[in-house]
Amino acid sequence: MDLYVEDGQLNGRSTVKVTGEIDMSNAGELGDFLAGLVDTEQRDLTIDLSGIQFIDSSGLGVLVDIHKQLSQRNRSLTLVSPSQRVTRTLEVSGLDQVLPIDNGSEGEPVPVNAGRRTNLG
């Protein structure tokens, strides 16, 4: 399955909407893409996961790594609107206790003002 990212800015934060599946075949590319944003943008980061149907341990590792990179720069990561399947994966792994998650009001996706769309795999 392809993985697409759309990045932009909203309310002073860098925003990324990710669509598809995150697994070992594309997690490295996603990590590189997000690390590039961390290096070039001086903002907190919001990642919209509403379009993700599946995430494996390599994808979770990318989220943890980006969270650490941002924390070291006194910036924050917020995951928004993960699907039930992704939410369950975060809960089972215990990462729901580590990574800030915003489910929006009444389950509605949190708006992410996306700019450019990139196919990562």
PDB file of N, CA and C in Angstrom:
ATOM      1  N   MET A   1       0.843  -1.191   0.000  1.00  0.00           N
ATOM      2  CA  MET A   1       0.000   0.000   0.000  1.00  0.00           C
ATOM      3  C   MET A   1       0.872   1.233   0.000  1.00  0.00           C
ATOM      4  N   ASP A   2       0.451   2.231  -0.731  1.00  0.00           N
ATOM      5  CA  ASP A   2       1.184   3.489  -0.778  1.00  0.00           C
ATOM      6  C   ASP A   2       1.003   4.252   0.529  1.00  0.00           C
ATOM      7  N   LEU A   3       1.968   5.106   0.789  1.00  0.00           N
ATOM      8  CA  LEU A   3       1.914   5.994   1.943  1.00  0.00           C
ATOM      9  C   LEU A   3       2.074   7.411   1.422  1.00  0.00           C
ATOM     10  N   TYR A   4       1.120   8.270   1.756  1.00  0.00           N
ATOM     11  CA  TYR A   4       1.146   9.658   1.320  1.00  0.00           C
ATOM     12  C   TYR A   4       1.221  10.566   2.538  1.00  0.00           C
ATOM     13  N   VAL A   5       1.935  11.676   2.389  1.00  0.00           N
ATOM     14  CA  VAL A   5       1.962  12.703   3.428  1.00  0.00           C
ATOM     15  C   VAL A   5       1.643  14.040   2.785  1.00  0.00           C
ATOM     16  N   GLU A   6       0.900  14.846   3.501  1.00  0.00           N
ATOM     17  CA  GLU A   6       0.624  16.223   3.119  1.00  0.00           C
ATOM     18  C   GLU A   6       1.102  17.084   4.269  1.00  0.00           C
ATOM     19  N   ASP A   7       1.930  18.067   3.989  1.00  0.00           N
ATOM     20  CA  ASP A   7       2.418  18.916   5.069  1.00  0.00           C
ATOM     21  C   ASP A   7       2.063  20.365   4.818  1.00  0.00           C
ATOM     22  N   GLY A   8       1.947  21.079   5.899  1.00  0.00           N
ATOM     23  CA  GLY A   8       1.594  22.489   5.849  1.00  0.00           C
ATOM     24  C   GLY A   8       1.745  23.105   7.226  1.00  0.00           C
ATOM     25  N   GLN A   9       0.989  24.157   7.485  1.00  0.00           N
ATOM     26  CA  GLN A   9       1.019  24.832   8.776  1.00  0.00           C
ATOM     27  C   GLN A   9      -0.398  25.224   9.165  1.00  0.00           C
ATOM     28  N   LEU A  10      -0.671  25.182  10.447  1.00  0.00           N
ATOM     29  CA  LEU A  10      -1.969  25.588  10.970  1.00  0.00           C
ATOM     30  C   LEU A  10      -1.787  26.070  12.404  1.00  0.00           C
ATOM     31  N   ASN A  11      -2.284  27.251  12.678  1.00  0.00           N
ATOM     32  CA  ASN A  11      -2.232  27.816  14.033  1.00  0.00           C
ATOM     33  C   ASN A  11      -0.826  27.790  14.623  1.00  0.00           C
ATOM     34  N   GLY A  12       0.173  28.116  13.809  1.00  0.00           N
ATOM     35  CA  GLY A  12       1.540  28.204  14.301  1.00  0.00           C
ATOM     36  C   GLY A  12       2.244  26.872  14.485  1.00  0.00           C
ATOM     37  N   ARG A  13       1.636  25.797  14.035  1.00  0.00           N
ATOM     38  CA  ARG A  13       2.237  24.463  14.151  1.00  0.00           C
ATOM     39  C   ARG A  13       2.506  23.912  12.752  1.00  0.00           C
ATOM     40  N   SER A  14       3.549  23.099  12.628  1.00  0.00           N
ATOM     41  CA  SER A  14       3.735  22.319  11.411  1.00  0.00           C
ATOM     42  C   SER A  14       2.730  21.183  11.453  1.00  0.00           C
ATOM     43  N   THR A  15       2.128  20.874  10.308  1.00  0.00           N
ATOM     44  CA  THR A  15       1.110  19.835  10.267  1.00  0.00           C
ATOM     45  C   THR A  15       1.446  18.816   9.181  1.00  0.00           C
ATOM     46  N   VAL A  16       1.153  17.561   9.470  1.00  0.00           N
ATOM     47  CA  VAL A  16       1.353  16.483   8.509  1.00  0.00           C
ATOM     48  C   VAL A  16       0.135  15.571   8.582  1.00  0.00           C
ATOM     49  N   LYS A  17      -0.474  15.308   7.441  1.00  0.00           N
ATOM     50  CA  LYS A  17      -1.552  14.320   7.359  1.00  0.00           C
ATOM     51  C   LYS A  17      -0.963  13.115   6.639  1.00  0.00           C
ATOM     52  N   VAL A  18      -1.060  11.949   7.272  1.00  0.00           N
ATOM     53  CA  VAL A  18      -0.482  10.724   6.731  1.00  0.00           C
ATOM     54  C   VAL A  18      -1.632   9.802   6.331  1.00  0.00           C
ATOM     55  N   THR A  19      -1.539   9.231   5.112  1.00  0.00           N
ATOM     56  CA  THR A  19      -2.594   8.373   4.590  1.00  0.00           C
ATOM     57  C   THR A  19      -1.987   7.086   4.050  1.00  0.00           C
ATOM     58  N   GLY A  20      -2.584   5.949   4.408  1.00  0.00           N
ATOM     59  CA  GLY A  20      -2.118   4.649   3.917  1.00  0.00           C
ATOM     60  C   GLY A  20      -1.772   3.727   5.066  1.00  0.00           C
ATOM     61  N   GLU A  21      -0.701   2.974   4.891  1.00  0.00           N
ATOM     62  CA  GLU A  21      -0.201   2.058   5.920  1.00  0.00           C
ATOM     63  C   GLU A  21       1.252   2.389   6.216  1.00  0.00           C
ATOM     64  N   ILE A  22       1.605   2.335   7.501  1.00  0.00           N
ATOM     65  CA  ILE A  22       2.995   2.570   7.894  1.00  0.00           C
ATOM     66  C   ILE A  22       3.558   1.232   8.359  1.00  0.00           C
ATOM     67  N   ASP A  23       4.554   0.736   7.622  1.00  0.00           N
ATOM     68  CA  ASP A  23       5.182  -0.528   7.988  1.00  0.00           C
ATOM     69  C   ASP A  23       6.669  -0.457   7.653  1.00  0.00           C
ATOM     70  N   MET A  24       7.348  -1.579   7.808  1.00  0.00           N
ATOM     71  CA  MET A  24       8.799  -1.564   7.633  1.00  0.00           C
ATOM     72  C   MET A  24       9.220  -1.191   6.212  1.00  0.00           C
ATOM     73  N   SER A  25       8.322  -1.302   5.249  1.00  0.00           N
ATOM     74  CA  SER A  25       8.680  -0.961   3.871  1.00  0.00           C
ATOM     75  C   SER A  25       8.752   0.541   3.625  1.00  0.00           C
ATOM     76  N   ASN A  26       8.117   1.346   4.483  1.00  0.00           N
ATOM     77  CA  ASN A  26       8.110   2.789   4.252  1.00  0.00           C
ATOM     78  C   ASN A  26       8.383   3.624   5.496  1.00  0.00           C
ATOM     79  N   ALA A  27       8.566   2.978   6.642  1.00  0.00           N
ATOM     80  CA  ALA A  27       8.786   3.723   7.888  1.00  0.00           C
ATOM     81  C   ALA A  27      10.054   4.579   7.813  1.00  0.00           C
ATOM     82  N   GLY A  28      11.090   4.063   7.169  1.00  0.00           N
ATOM     83  CA  GLY A  28      12.330   4.834   7.048  1.00  0.00           C
ATOM     84  C   GLY A  28      12.122   6.127   6.284  1.00  0.00           C
ATOM     85  N   GLU A  29      11.374   6.053   5.178  1.00  0.00           N
ATOM     86  CA  GLU A  29      11.098   7.251   4.393  1.00  0.00           C
ATOM     87  C   GLU A  29      10.253   8.244   5.181  1.00  0.00           C
ATOM     88  N   LEU A  30       9.268   7.728   5.929  1.00  0.00           N
ATOM     89  CA  LEU A  30       8.458   8.614   6.759  1.00  0.00           C
ATOM     90  C   LEU A  30       9.322   9.272   7.833  1.00  0.00           C
ATOM     91  N   GLY A  31      10.185   8.487   8.463  1.00  0.00           N
ATOM     92  CA  GLY A  31      11.074   9.034   9.481  1.00  0.00           C
ATOM     93  C   GLY A  31      11.972  10.129   8.928  1.00  0.00           C
ATOM     94  N   ASP A  32      12.526   9.894   7.729  1.00  0.00           N
ATOM     95  CA  ASP A  32      13.376  10.908   7.100  1.00  0.00           C
ATOM     96  C   ASP A  32      12.588  12.175   6.792  1.00  0.00           C
ATOM     97  N   PHE A  33      11.369  11.999   6.284  1.00  0.00           N
ATOM     98  CA  PHE A  33      10.513  13.145   5.960  1.00  0.00           C
ATOM     99  C   PHE A  33      10.219  13.968   7.215  1.00  0.00           C
ATOM    100  N   LEU A  34       9.800  13.285   8.290  1.00  0.00           N
ATOM    101  CA  LEU A  34       9.466  13.989   9.528  1.00  0.00           C
ATOM    102  C   LEU A  34      10.701  14.627  10.165  1.00  0.00           C
ATOM    103  N   ALA A  35      11.831  13.916  10.135  1.00  0.00           N
ATOM    104  CA  ALA A  35      13.071  14.474  10.696  1.00  0.00           C
ATOM    105  C   ALA A  35      13.474  15.738   9.938  1.00  0.00           C
ATOM    106  N   GLY A  36      13.240  15.750   8.627  1.00  0.00           N
ATOM    107  CA  GLY A  36      13.514  16.954   7.841  1.00  0.00           C
ATOM    108  C   GLY A  36      12.676  18.132   8.301  1.00  0.00           C
ATOM    109  N   LEU A  37      11.413  17.859   8.628  1.00  0.00           N
ATOM    110  CA  LEU A  37      10.561  18.932   9.155  1.00  0.00           C
ATOM    111  C   LEU A  37      11.056  19.409  10.514  1.00  0.00           C
ATOM    112  N   VAL A  38      11.458  18.479  11.358  1.00  0.00           N
ATOM    113  CA  VAL A  38      11.964  18.844  12.683  1.00  0.00           C
ATOM    114  C   VAL A  38      13.192  19.737  12.541  1.00  0.00           C
ATOM    115  N   ASP A  39      14.062  19.397  11.584  1.00  0.00           N
ATOM    116  CA  ASP A  39      15.289  20.172  11.385  1.00  0.00           C
ATOM    117  C   ASP A  39      15.050  21.542  10.773  1.00  0.00           C
ATOM    118  N   THR A  40      14.081  21.653   9.862  1.00  0.00           N
ATOM    119  CA  THR A  40      13.904  22.913   9.133  1.00  0.00           C
ATOM    120  C   THR A  40      12.831  23.827   9.714  1.00  0.00           C
ATOM    121  N   GLU A  41      11.849  23.257  10.385  1.00  0.00           N
ATOM    122  CA  GLU A  41      10.764  24.061  10.954  1.00  0.00           C
ATOM    123  C   GLU A  41      11.040  24.283  12.444  1.00  0.00           C
ATOM    124  N   GLN A  42      10.777  25.469  12.909  1.00  0.00           N
ATOM    125  CA  GLN A  42      10.962  25.784  14.326  1.00  0.00           C
ATOM    126  C   GLN A  42       9.616  25.833  15.031  1.00  0.00           C
ATOM    127  N   ARG A  43       8.794  24.809  14.772  1.00  0.00           N
ATOM    128  CA  ARG A  43       7.431  24.773  15.307  1.00  0.00           C
ATOM    129  C   ARG A  43       7.172  23.421  15.956  1.00  0.00           C
ATOM    130  N   ASP A  44       6.107  23.403  16.776  1.00  0.00           N
ATOM    131  CA  ASP A  44       5.574  22.136  17.250  1.00  0.00           C
ATOM    132  C   ASP A  44       4.990  21.401  16.054  1.00  0.00           C
ATOM    133  N   LEU A  45       4.773  20.084  16.194  1.00  0.00           N
ATOM    134  CA  LEU A  45       4.331  19.263  15.070  1.00  0.00           C
ATOM    135  C   LEU A  45       3.047  18.520  15.413  1.00  0.00           C
ATOM    136  N   THR A  46       2.084  18.595  14.502  1.00  0.00           N
ATOM    137  CA  THR A  46       0.844  17.837  14.594  1.00  0.00           C
ATOM    138  C   THR A  46       0.831  16.824  13.456  1.00  0.00           C
ATOM    139  N   ILE A  47       0.584  15.540  13.786  1.00  0.00           N
ATOM    140  CA  ILE A  47       0.470  14.503  12.769  1.00  0.00           C
ATOM    141  C   ILE A  47      -0.939  13.937  12.821  1.00  0.00           C
ATOM    142  N   ASP A  48      -1.669  14.089  11.715  1.00  0.00           N
ATOM    143  CA  ASP A  48      -3.031  13.560  11.585  1.00  0.00           C
ATOM    144  C   ASP A  48      -2.936  12.123  11.097  1.00  0.00           C
ATOM    145  N   LEU A  49      -3.385  11.186  11.928  1.00  0.00           N
ATOM    146  CA  LEU A  49      -3.326   9.754  11.602  1.00  0.00           C
ATOM    147  C   LEU A  49      -4.684   9.195  11.186  1.00  0.00           C
ATOM    148  N   SER A  50      -5.645  10.052  10.899  1.00  0.00           N
ATOM    149  CA  SER A  50      -6.997   9.565  10.571  1.00  0.00           C
ATOM    150  C   SER A  50      -7.010   8.725   9.297  1.00  0.00           C
ATOM    151  N   GLY A  51      -6.035   8.915   8.417  1.00  0.00           N
ATOM    152  CA  GLY A  51      -5.987   8.168   7.170  1.00  0.00           C
ATOM    153  C   GLY A  51      -5.117   6.927   7.219  1.00  0.00           C
ATOM    154  N   ILE A  52      -4.645   6.561   8.400  1.00  0.00           N
ATOM    155  CA  ILE A  52      -3.787   5.375   8.547  1.00  0.00           C
ATOM    156  C   ILE A  52      -4.644   4.178   8.928  1.00  0.00           C
ATOM    157  N   GLN A  53      -4.569   3.122   8.115  1.00  0.00           N
ATOM    158  CA  GLN A  53      -5.311   1.896   8.399  1.00  0.00           C
ATOM    159  C   GLN A  53      -4.491   0.902   9.218  1.00  0.00           C
ATOM    160  N   PHE A  54      -3.151   1.019   9.155  1.00  0.00           N
ATOM    161  CA  PHE A  54      -2.280   0.044   9.819  1.00  0.00           C
ATOM    162  C   PHE A  54      -0.963   0.717  10.154  1.00  0.00           C
ATOM    163  N   ILE A  55      -0.425   0.369  11.326  1.00  0.00           N
ATOM    164  CA  ILE A  55       0.916   0.812  11.713  1.00  0.00           C
ATOM    165  C   ILE A  55       1.585  -0.337  12.458  1.00  0.00           C
ATOM    166  N   ASP A  56       2.826  -0.666  12.078  1.00  0.00           N
ATOM    167  CA  ASP A  56       3.541  -1.730  12.769  1.00  0.00           C
ATOM    168  C   ASP A  56       4.581  -1.115  13.708  1.00  0.00           C
ATOM    169  N   SER A  57       5.404  -1.974  14.309  1.00  0.00           N
ATOM    170  CA  SER A  57       6.369  -1.505  15.300  1.00  0.00           C
ATOM    171  C   SER A  57       7.390  -0.542  14.712  1.00  0.00           C
ATOM    172  N   SER A  58       7.739  -0.699  13.444  1.00  0.00           N
ATOM    173  CA  SER A  58       8.685   0.238  12.835  1.00  0.00           C
ATOM    174  C   SER A  58       8.048   1.626  12.714  1.00  0.00           C
ATOM    175  N   GLY A  59       6.766   1.678  12.419  1.00  0.00           N
ATOM    176  CA  GLY A  59       6.058   2.955  12.370  1.00  0.00           C
ATOM    177  C   GLY A  59       5.943   3.592  13.741  1.00  0.00           C
ATOM    178  N   LEU A  60       5.668   2.766  14.752  1.00  0.00           N
ATOM    179  CA  LEU A  60       5.623   3.283  16.125  1.00  0.00           C
ATOM    180  C   LEU A  60       6.984   3.850  16.524  1.00  0.00           C
ATOM    181  N   GLY A  61       8.039   3.159  16.101  1.00  0.00           N
ATOM    182  CA  GLY A  61       9.397   3.632  16.394  1.00  0.00           C
ATOM    183  C   GLY A  61       9.663   5.002  15.793  1.00  0.00           C
ATOM    184  N   VAL A  62       9.151   5.242  14.598  1.00  0.00           N
ATOM    185  CA  VAL A  62       9.301   6.555  13.965  1.00  0.00           C
ATOM    186  C   VAL A  62       8.628   7.627  14.811  1.00  0.00           C
ATOM    187  N   LEU A  63       7.416   7.357  15.282  1.00  0.00           N
ATOM    188  CA  LEU A  63       6.697   8.341  16.099  1.00  0.00           C
ATOM    189  C   LEU A  63       7.439   8.633  17.400  1.00  0.00           C
ATOM    190  N   VAL A  64       7.971   7.600  18.029  1.00  0.00           N
ATOM    191  CA  VAL A  64       8.732   7.790  19.267  1.00  0.00           C
ATOM    192  C   VAL A  64       9.995   8.602  18.998  1.00  0.00           C
ATOM    193  N   ASP A  65      10.694   8.291  17.911  1.00  0.00           N
ATOM    194  CA  ASP A  65      11.917   9.008  17.568  1.00  0.00           C
ATOM    195  C   ASP A  65      11.641  10.491  17.304  1.00  0.00           C
ATOM    196  N   ILE A  66      10.584  10.790  16.564  1.00  0.00           N
ATOM    197  CA  ILE A  66      10.243  12.183  16.281  1.00  0.00           C
ATOM    198  C   ILE A  66       9.836  12.905  17.567  1.00  0.00           C
ATOM    199  N   HIS A  67       9.101  12.210  18.433  1.00  0.00           N
ATOM    200  CA  HIS A  67       8.736  12.782  19.732  1.00  0.00           C
ATOM    201  C   HIS A  67       9.994  13.155  20.526  1.00  0.00           C
ATOM    202  N   LYS A  68      10.978  12.265  20.538  1.00  0.00           N
ATOM    203  CA  LYS A  68      12.241  12.537  21.252  1.00  0.00           C
ATOM    204  C   LYS A  68      12.985  13.717  20.632  1.00  0.00           C
ATOM    205  N   GLN A  69      13.066  13.732  19.290  1.00  0.00           N
ATOM    206  CA  GLN A  69      13.763  14.837  18.621  1.00  0.00           C
ATOM    207  C   GLN A  69      13.124  16.177  18.955  1.00  0.00           C
ATOM    208  N   LEU A  70      11.809  16.229  18.931  1.00  0.00           N
ATOM    209  CA  LEU A  70      11.112  17.468  19.252  1.00  0.00           C
ATOM    210  C   LEU A  70      11.298  17.846  20.718  1.00  0.00           C
ATOM    211  N   SER A  71      11.216  16.867  21.613  1.00  0.00           N
ATOM    212  CA  SER A  71      11.386  17.137  23.051  1.00  0.00           C
ATOM    213  C   SER A  71      12.759  17.721  23.341  1.00  0.00           C
ATOM    214  N   GLN A  72      13.776  17.213  22.660  1.00  0.00           N
ATOM    215  CA  GLN A  72      15.134  17.733  22.854  1.00  0.00           C
ATOM    216  C   GLN A  72      15.248  19.185  22.417  1.00  0.00           C
ATOM    217  N   ARG A  73      14.341  19.640  21.578  1.00  0.00           N
ATOM    218  CA  ARG A  73      14.335  21.025  21.091  1.00  0.00           C
ATOM    219  C   ARG A  73      13.251  21.860  21.797  1.00  0.00           C
ATOM    220  N   ASN A  74      12.711  21.318  22.892  1.00  0.00           N
ATOM    221  CA  ASN A  74      11.644  21.980  23.653  1.00  0.00           C
ATOM    222  C   ASN A  74      10.430  22.275  22.788  1.00  0.00           C
ATOM    223  N   ARG A  75      10.103  21.326  21.905  1.00  0.00           N
ATOM    224  CA  ARG A  75       8.924  21.423  21.060  1.00  0.00           C
ATOM    225  C   ARG A  75       8.085  20.169  21.276  1.00  0.00           C
ATOM    226  N   SER A  76       6.865  20.192  20.767  1.00  0.00           N
ATOM    227  CA  SER A  76       5.965  19.077  21.071  1.00  0.00           C
ATOM    228  C   SER A  76       5.441  18.402  19.812  1.00  0.00           C
ATOM    229  N   LEU A  77       5.032  17.156  19.994  1.00  0.00           N
ATOM    230  CA  LEU A  77       4.365  16.357  18.977  1.00  0.00           C
ATOM    231  C   LEU A  77       2.969  16.047  19.482  1.00  0.00           C
ATOM    232  N   THR A  78       1.979  16.199  18.619  1.00  0.00           N
ATOM    233  CA  THR A  78       0.614  15.777  18.936  1.00  0.00           C
ATOM    234  C   THR A  78       0.107  14.913  17.793  1.00  0.00           C
ATOM    235  N   LEU A  79      -0.404  13.733  18.125  1.00  0.00           N
ATOM    236  CA  LEU A  79      -1.039  12.858  17.151  1.00  0.00           C
ATOM    237  C   LEU A  79      -2.531  13.142  17.195  1.00  0.00           C
ATOM    238  N   VAL A  80      -3.153  13.324  16.037  1.00  0.00           N
ATOM    239  CA  VAL A  80      -4.576  13.625  16.028  1.00  0.00           C
ATOM    240  C   VAL A  80      -5.362  12.585  15.247  1.00  0.00           C
ATOM    241  N   SER A  81      -6.528  12.305  15.748  1.00  0.00           N
ATOM    242  CA  SER A  81      -7.548  11.484  15.098  1.00  0.00           C
ATOM    243  C   SER A  81      -7.075  10.121  14.602  1.00  0.00           C
ATOM    244  N   PRO A  82      -6.347   9.366  15.438  1.00  0.00           N
ATOM    245  CA  PRO A  82      -5.992   8.023  14.971  1.00  0.00           C
ATOM    246  C   PRO A  82      -7.246   7.152  14.852  1.00  0.00           C
ATOM    247  N   SER A  83      -7.242   6.254  13.870  1.00  0.00           N
ATOM    248  CA  SER A  83      -8.356   5.320  13.712  1.00  0.00           C
ATOM    249  C   SER A  83      -8.436   4.416  14.937  1.00  0.00           C
ATOM    250  N   GLN A  84      -9.526   3.686  15.064  1.00  0.00           N
ATOM    251  CA  GLN A  84      -9.667   2.755  16.195  1.00  0.00           C
ATOM    252  C   GLN A  84      -8.553   1.718  16.189  1.00  0.00           C
ATOM    253  N   ARG A  85      -8.205   1.231  15.016  1.00  0.00           N
ATOM    254  CA  ARG A  85      -7.146   0.220  14.896  1.00  0.00           C
ATOM    255  C   ARG A  85      -5.796   0.778  15.362  1.00  0.00           C
ATOM    256  N   VAL A  86      -5.467   2.005  14.922  1.00  0.00           N
ATOM    257  CA  VAL A  86      -4.209   2.636  15.324  1.00  0.00           C
ATOM    258  C   VAL A  86      -4.242   2.978  16.809  1.00  0.00           C
ATOM    259  N   THR A  87      -5.384   3.455  17.301  1.00  0.00           N
ATOM    260  CA  THR A  87      -5.522   3.736  18.728  1.00  0.00           C
ATOM    261  C   THR A  87      -5.267   2.484  19.548  1.00  0.00           C
ATOM    262  N   ARG A  88      -5.810   1.369  19.121  1.00  0.00           N
ATOM    263  CA  ARG A  88      -5.616   0.098  19.835  1.00  0.00           C
ATOM    264  C   ARG A  88      -4.142  -0.296  19.835  1.00  0.00           C
ATOM    265  N   THR A  89      -3.453  -0.110  18.717  1.00  0.00           N
ATOM    266  CA  THR A  89      -2.025  -0.420  18.638  1.00  0.00           C
ATOM    267  C   THR A  89      -1.236   0.466  19.605  1.00  0.00           C
ATOM    268  N   LEU A  90      -1.592   1.742  19.663  1.00  0.00           N
ATOM    269  CA  LEU A  90      -0.925   2.651  20.602  1.00  0.00           C
ATOM    270  C   LEU A  90      -1.187   2.235  22.043  1.00  0.00           C
ATOM    271  N   GLU A  91      -2.409   1.799  22.340  1.00  0.00           N
ATOM    272  CA  GLU A  91      -2.750   1.365  23.700  1.00  0.00           C
ATOM    273  C   GLU A  91      -2.006   0.093  24.085  1.00  0.00           C
ATOM    274  N   VAL A  92      -2.001  -0.897  23.210  1.00  0.00           N
ATOM    275  CA  VAL A  92      -1.344  -2.176  23.505  1.00  0.00           C
ATOM    276  C   VAL A  92       0.155  -1.971  23.733  1.00  0.00           C
ATOM    277  N   SER A  93       0.742  -1.063  22.965  1.00  0.00           N
ATOM    278  CA  SER A  93       2.180  -0.805  23.097  1.00  0.00           C
ATOM    279  C   SER A  93       2.500   0.102  24.283  1.00  0.00           C
ATOM    280  N   GLY A  94       1.486   0.731  24.874  1.00  0.00           N
ATOM    281  CA  GLY A  94       1.700   1.664  25.975  1.00  0.00           C
ATOM    282  C   GLY A  94       2.064   3.067  25.519  1.00  0.00           C
ATOM    283  N   LEU A  95       2.146   3.267  24.207  1.00  0.00           N
ATOM    284  CA  LEU A  95       2.547   4.571  23.701  1.00  0.00           C
ATOM    285  C   LEU A  95       1.460   5.632  23.851  1.00  0.00           C
ATOM    286  N   ASP A  96       0.226   5.211  24.101  1.00  0.00           N
ATOM    287  CA  ASP A  96      -0.826   6.198  24.367  1.00  0.00           C
ATOM    288  C   ASP A  96      -0.546   6.952  25.659  1.00  0.00           C
ATOM    289  N   GLN A  97       0.340   6.412  26.500  1.00  0.00           N
ATOM    290  CA  GLN A  97       0.728   7.070  27.747  1.00  0.00           C
ATOM    291  C   GLN A  97       1.953   7.969  27.557  1.00  0.00           C
ATOM    292  N   VAL A  98       2.598   7.874  26.399  1.00  0.00           N
ATOM    293  CA  VAL A  98       3.828   8.613  26.125  1.00  0.00           C
ATOM    294  C   VAL A  98       3.610   9.712  25.092  1.00  0.00           C
ATOM    295  N   LEU A  99       2.873   9.380  24.051  1.00  0.00           N
ATOM    296  CA  LEU A  99       2.654  10.313  22.946  1.00  0.00           C
ATOM    297  C   LEU A  99       1.322  11.035  23.123  1.00  0.00           C
ATOM    298  N   PRO A 100       1.319  12.365  23.087  1.00  0.00           N
ATOM    299  CA  PRO A 100       0.063  13.105  23.214  1.00  0.00           C
ATOM    300  C   PRO A 100      -0.867  12.822  22.034  1.00  0.00           C
ATOM    301  N   ILE A 101      -2.121  12.492  22.349  1.00  0.00           N
ATOM    302  CA  ILE A 101      -3.117  12.168  21.326  1.00  0.00           C
ATOM    303  C   ILE A 101      -4.324  13.068  21.511  1.00  0.00           C
ATOM    304  N   ASP A 102      -4.776  13.687  20.420  1.00  0.00           N
ATOM    305  CA  ASP A 102      -5.962  14.531  20.421  1.00  0.00           C
ATOM    306  C   ASP A 102      -6.965  13.887  19.472  1.00  0.00           C
ATOM    307  N   ASN A 103      -8.065  13.396  20.023  1.00  0.00           N
ATOM    308  CA  ASN A 103      -9.081  12.746  19.198  1.00  0.00           C
ATOM    309  C   ASN A 103     -10.110  13.716  18.648  1.00  0.00           C
ATOM    310  N   GLY A 104      -9.939  15.005  18.879  1.00  0.00           N
ATOM    311  CA  GLY A 104     -10.890  15.990  18.372  1.00  0.00           C
ATOM    312  C   GLY A 104     -12.178  15.949  19.174  1.00  0.00           C
ATOM    313  N   SER A 105     -13.096  16.804  18.806  1.00  0.00           N
ATOM    314  CA  SER A 105     -14.374  16.830  19.506  1.00  0.00           C
ATOM    315  C   SER A 105     -15.321  15.847  18.853  1.00  0.00           C
ATOM    316  N   GLU A 106     -15.863  14.963  19.655  1.00  0.00           N
ATOM    317  CA  GLU A 106     -16.845  13.975  19.205  1.00  0.00           C
ATOM    318  C   GLU A 106     -16.344  13.128  18.040  1.00  0.00           C
ATOM    319  N   GLY A 107     -15.034  12.821  18.040  1.00  0.00           N
ATOM    320  CA  GLY A 107     -14.491  11.939  17.028  1.00  0.00           C
ATOM    321  C   GLY A 107     -14.260  12.556  15.666  1.00  0.00           C
ATOM    322  N   GLU A 108     -14.495  13.850  15.535  1.00  0.00           N
ATOM    323  CA  GLU A 108     -14.253  14.524  14.256  1.00  0.00           C
ATOM    324  C   GLU A 108     -12.753  14.756  14.095  1.00  0.00           C
ATOM    325  N   PRO A 109     -12.239  14.583  12.870  1.00  0.00           N
ATOM    326  CA  PRO A 109     -10.818  14.843  12.646  1.00  0.00           C
ATOM    327  C   PRO A 109     -10.463  16.282  12.996  1.00  0.00           C
ATOM    328  N   VAL A 110      -9.302  16.465  13.593  1.00  0.00           N
ATOM    329  CA  VAL A 110      -8.803  17.792  13.885  1.00  0.00           C
ATOM    330  C   VAL A 110      -8.324  18.391  12.568  1.00  0.00           C
ATOM    331  N   PRO A 111      -8.711  19.636  12.253  1.00  0.00           N
ATOM    332  CA  PRO A 111      -8.310  20.199  10.965  1.00  0.00           C
ATOM    333  C   PRO A 111      -6.796  20.320  10.845  1.00  0.00           C
ATOM    334  N   VAL A 112      -6.264  19.878   9.735  1.00  0.00           N
ATOM    335  CA  VAL A 112      -4.848  20.010   9.436  1.00  0.00           C
ATOM    336  C   VAL A 112      -4.756  20.703   8.082  1.00  0.00           C
ATOM    337  N   ASN A 113      -4.173  21.898   8.072  1.00  0.00           N
ATOM    338  CA  ASN A 113      -4.058  22.654   6.849  1.00  0.00           C
ATOM    339  C   ASN A 113      -2.883  22.115   6.043  1.00  0.00           C
ATOM    340  N   ALA A 114      -3.167  21.209   5.141  1.00  0.00           N
ATOM    341  CA  ALA A 114      -2.104  20.572   4.368  1.00  0.00           C
ATOM    342  C   ALA A 114      -1.721  21.426   3.165  1.00  0.00           C
ATOM    343  N   GLY A 115      -0.455  21.374   2.819  1.00  0.00           N
ATOM    344  CA  GLY A 115       0.043  22.107   1.666  1.00  0.00           C
ATOM    345  C   GLY A 115       0.387  21.168   0.535  1.00  0.00           C
ATOM    346  N   ARG A 116       1.572  20.583   0.554  1.00  0.00           N
ATOM    347  CA  ARG A 116       2.011  19.718  -0.531  1.00  0.00           C
ATOM    348  C   ARG A 116       1.792  18.245  -0.185  1.00  0.00           C
ATOM    349  N   ARG A 117       1.564  17.429  -1.209  1.00  0.00           N
ATOM    350  CA  ARG A 117       1.320  15.998  -1.031  1.00  0.00           C
ATOM    351  C   ARG A 117       2.496  15.227  -1.630  1.00  0.00           C
ATOM    352  N   THR A 118       3.027  14.264  -0.869  1.00  0.00           N
ATOM    353  CA  THR A 118       4.191  13.496  -1.281  1.00  0.00           C
ATOM    354  C   THR A 118       3.887  12.022  -1.130  1.00  0.00           C
ATOM    355  N   ASN A 119       4.233  11.218  -2.135  1.00  0.00           N
ATOM    356  CA  ASN A 119       4.105   9.760  -2.063  1.00  0.00           C
ATOM    357  C   ASN A 119       5.407   9.198  -1.519  1.00  0.00           C
ATOM    358  N   LEU A 120       5.352   8.539  -0.356  1.00  0.00           N
ATOM    359  CA  LEU A 120       6.540   7.959   0.260  1.00  0.00           C
ATOM    360  C   LEU A 120       6.693   6.470  -0.004  1.00  0.00           C
ATOM    361  N   GLY A 121       5.794   5.904  -0.740  1.00  0.00           N
ATOM    362  CA  GLY A 121       6.044   4.497  -0.974  1.00  0.00           C
ATOM    363  C   GLY A 121       4.906   3.716  -1.411  1.00  0.00           C
TER     364      GLY A 121
END
